[in-house]
Protein backbone atom coordinates (compact mmCIF):
# COMPACT_ATOMS: atom_id res chain seq x y z
CA MET A 1 0.24 0.07 -0.22
CA GLY A 2 1.26 3.39 -0.49
CA ARG A 3 0.08 6.62 1.48
CA ILE A 4 -2.23 9.29 0.97
CA ILE A 5 -1.53 13.09 1.22
CA ALA A 6 -4.10 15.38 1.95
CA LEU A 7 -3.66 19.11 0.93
CA ASP A 8 -5.37 22.40 2.94
CA TYR A 9 -4.66 24.27 -0.42
CA GLY A 10 -4.59 27.86 -0.22
CA ARG A 11 -3.57 31.52 -2.27
CA LYS A 12 -0.15 32.06 0.12
CA ARG A 13 0.58 28.03 1.97
CA THR A 14 -0.37 25.10 1.28
CA GLY A 15 -0.90 22.68 4.04
CA ILE A 16 0.31 19.05 3.47
CA ALA A 17 -0.59 15.55 5.60
CA VAL A 18 0.00 12.04 4.99
CA THR A 19 -0.50 8.68 6.18
CA ASP A 20 1.37 6.06 6.98
CA GLU A 21 2.12 3.23 4.61
CA LEU A 22 -0.74 1.15 6.04
CA GLN A 23 -3.62 4.16 5.47
CA LEU A 24 -4.31 4.12 9.44
CA ILE A 25 -3.03 7.43 10.68
CA ALA A 26 -3.24 10.78 9.23
CA SER A 27 -0.25 12.93 10.52
CA GLY A 28 0.68 16.58 9.53
CA LEU A 29 3.94 16.68 7.30
CA THR A 30 4.51 20.25 6.35
CA THR A 31 3.51 23.66 4.94
CA VAL A 32 4.72 24.80 1.44
CA LEU A 33 4.29 27.81 -0.15
CA THR A 34 1.88 27.20 -2.68
CA LYS A 35 3.85 28.73 -5.80
CA GLU A 36 6.01 25.53 -4.73
CA LEU A 37 3.63 22.78 -4.32
CA LEU A 38 3.54 20.85 -7.65
CA GLN A 39 7.48 20.94 -7.43
CA PHE A 40 7.64 19.71 -3.41
CA LEU A 41 4.97 16.64 -4.72
CA GLU A 42 7.07 16.17 -7.54
CA SER A 43 10.12 15.38 -5.16
CA TYR A 44 7.82 13.81 -2.33
CA ILE A 45 6.56 10.63 -4.91
CA GLN A 46 9.99 10.41 -6.23
CA LYS A 47 10.63 9.57 -2.79
CA GLU A 48 7.37 7.60 -1.29
CA THR A 49 4.72 5.64 -3.09
CA VAL A 50 1.70 7.72 -2.79
CA GLU A 51 -1.96 6.16 -4.24
CA GLN A 52 -4.16 8.69 -3.79
CA ILE A 53 -4.43 12.54 -3.06
CA VAL A 54 -7.04 14.06 -1.05
CA ILE A 55 -7.41 18.00 -1.50
CA GLY A 56 -10.09 20.22 0.66
CA GLU A 57 -13.23 21.23 -1.13
CA PRO A 58 -14.05 24.78 0.32
CA LYS A 59 -17.81 24.92 0.65
CA GLN A 60 -20.03 27.83 1.67
CA MET A 61 -22.93 27.11 4.60
CA ASN A 62 -25.41 27.01 1.51
CA ASN A 63 -23.09 23.87 -0.26
CA GLU A 64 -21.78 26.52 -2.55
CA PRO A 65 -18.01 26.57 -4.00
CA SER A 66 -16.07 28.78 -1.91
CA GLU A 67 -14.23 31.69 -4.01
CA SER A 68 -11.18 30.08 -3.77
CA GLU A 69 -12.32 26.65 -5.81
CA VAL A 70 -11.62 28.37 -9.03
CA GLU A 71 -8.07 28.25 -7.85
CA ILE A 72 -8.13 24.95 -6.39
CA LYS A 73 -9.50 23.40 -9.75
CA SER A 74 -6.74 25.12 -12.19
CA PHE A 75 -4.39 23.12 -9.59
CA ILE A 76 -5.65 20.09 -9.93
CA GLU A 77 -5.49 20.36 -13.60
CA LYS A 78 -1.95 21.08 -13.69
CA LEU A 79 -1.13 18.42 -10.73
CA THR A 80 -3.53 16.26 -13.32
CA LYS A 81 -0.92 16.67 -15.67
CA LYS A 82 2.12 16.12 -14.00
CA LEU A 83 0.91 12.90 -11.91
CA PRO A 84 -1.68 11.52 -13.91
CA LYS A 85 -1.54 7.58 -12.41
CA ILE A 86 -2.36 9.06 -9.23
CA PRO A 87 -6.02 9.68 -7.84
CA ILE A 88 -7.22 12.69 -7.12
CA ILE A 89 -10.20 12.92 -4.36
CA ARG A 90 -11.54 16.19 -2.99
CA GLN A 91 -13.03 15.99 0.62
CA ASP A 92 -15.20 18.72 2.33
CA GLU A 93 -13.11 21.19 4.02
CA ARG A 94 -15.30 23.25 6.10
CA PHE A 95 -14.53 24.18 9.48
CA THR A 96 -11.39 22.51 9.11
CA SER A 97 -9.50 25.68 10.12
CA LYS A 98 -11.35 26.44 13.39
CA MET A 99 -11.53 22.46 14.44
CA ALA A 100 -7.04 23.14 14.04
CA MET A 101 -7.42 26.18 16.26
CA SER A 102 -9.68 24.21 18.44
CA SER A 103 -7.24 21.20 19.40
CA MET A 104 -4.45 23.72 19.01
CA ILE A 105 -6.33 25.74 22.23
CA ALA A 106 -7.13 22.08 23.64
CA GLY A 107 -3.57 20.53 23.29
CA GLY A 108 -2.34 23.67 25.53
CA MET A 109 -0.93 25.09 22.88
CA GLY A 110 0.46 28.90 23.41
CA LYS A 111 -1.17 32.23 22.10
CA LYS A 112 2.13 32.82 19.99
CA LYS A 113 1.92 29.02 18.54
CA ARG A 114 -1.39 29.34 17.65
CA GLN A 115 -0.68 32.61 15.55
CA ASN A 116 1.49 30.70 13.23
CA LYS A 117 -1.05 30.38 10.84
CA ALA A 118 1.78 27.49 8.39
CA LEU A 119 0.79 24.98 11.58
CA VAL A 120 -2.58 25.77 11.58
CA ASP A 121 -2.83 24.74 7.38
CA GLU A 122 -0.89 21.71 8.64
CA ILE A 123 -3.05 20.55 11.41
CA SER A 124 -6.46 21.77 8.67
CA ALA A 125 -4.41 19.07 6.21
CA THR A 126 -4.55 16.35 8.63
CA LEU A 127 -7.96 16.91 9.69
CA ILE A 128 -9.03 16.98 6.04
CA LEU A 129 -6.87 13.59 5.65
CA GLN A 130 -8.62 12.34 8.71
CA ALA A 131 -11.85 12.93 7.47
CA TYR A 132 -10.97 11.48 4.53
CA LEU A 133 -10.18 8.33 5.92
CA ASN A 134 -13.02 8.17 8.19
CA ARG A 135 -15.45 7.55 5.66
CA MET A 136 -13.55 4.93 3.92
């Protein structure tokens, strides 16, 4: 089995999470600048076996796509051309940033660390991946 990668895609930064090889546990991997995301993924996939890529699907409360969906779809087209053999799955990402912040508070993380947006993005990607694993 290969790993599953999840992305919390953002205009500036993208949080990345990954499963173990048995696809049981979702863990935060890193946050990268979005402009470097394709290069990062290509490099990671050369080192690790990746079975799927899960990308957060931002929706508004009325279930309509969020504004950022246009950029995400453009990225998915580029990703599909670069890595055509890896399936891309979408996962609803509503409330992941709020949940990430709540988990940081519950874990006793200090205010200064909670202001680290890159860490919030990484935790959000982990929540997206865990939600996907839960529905498998």
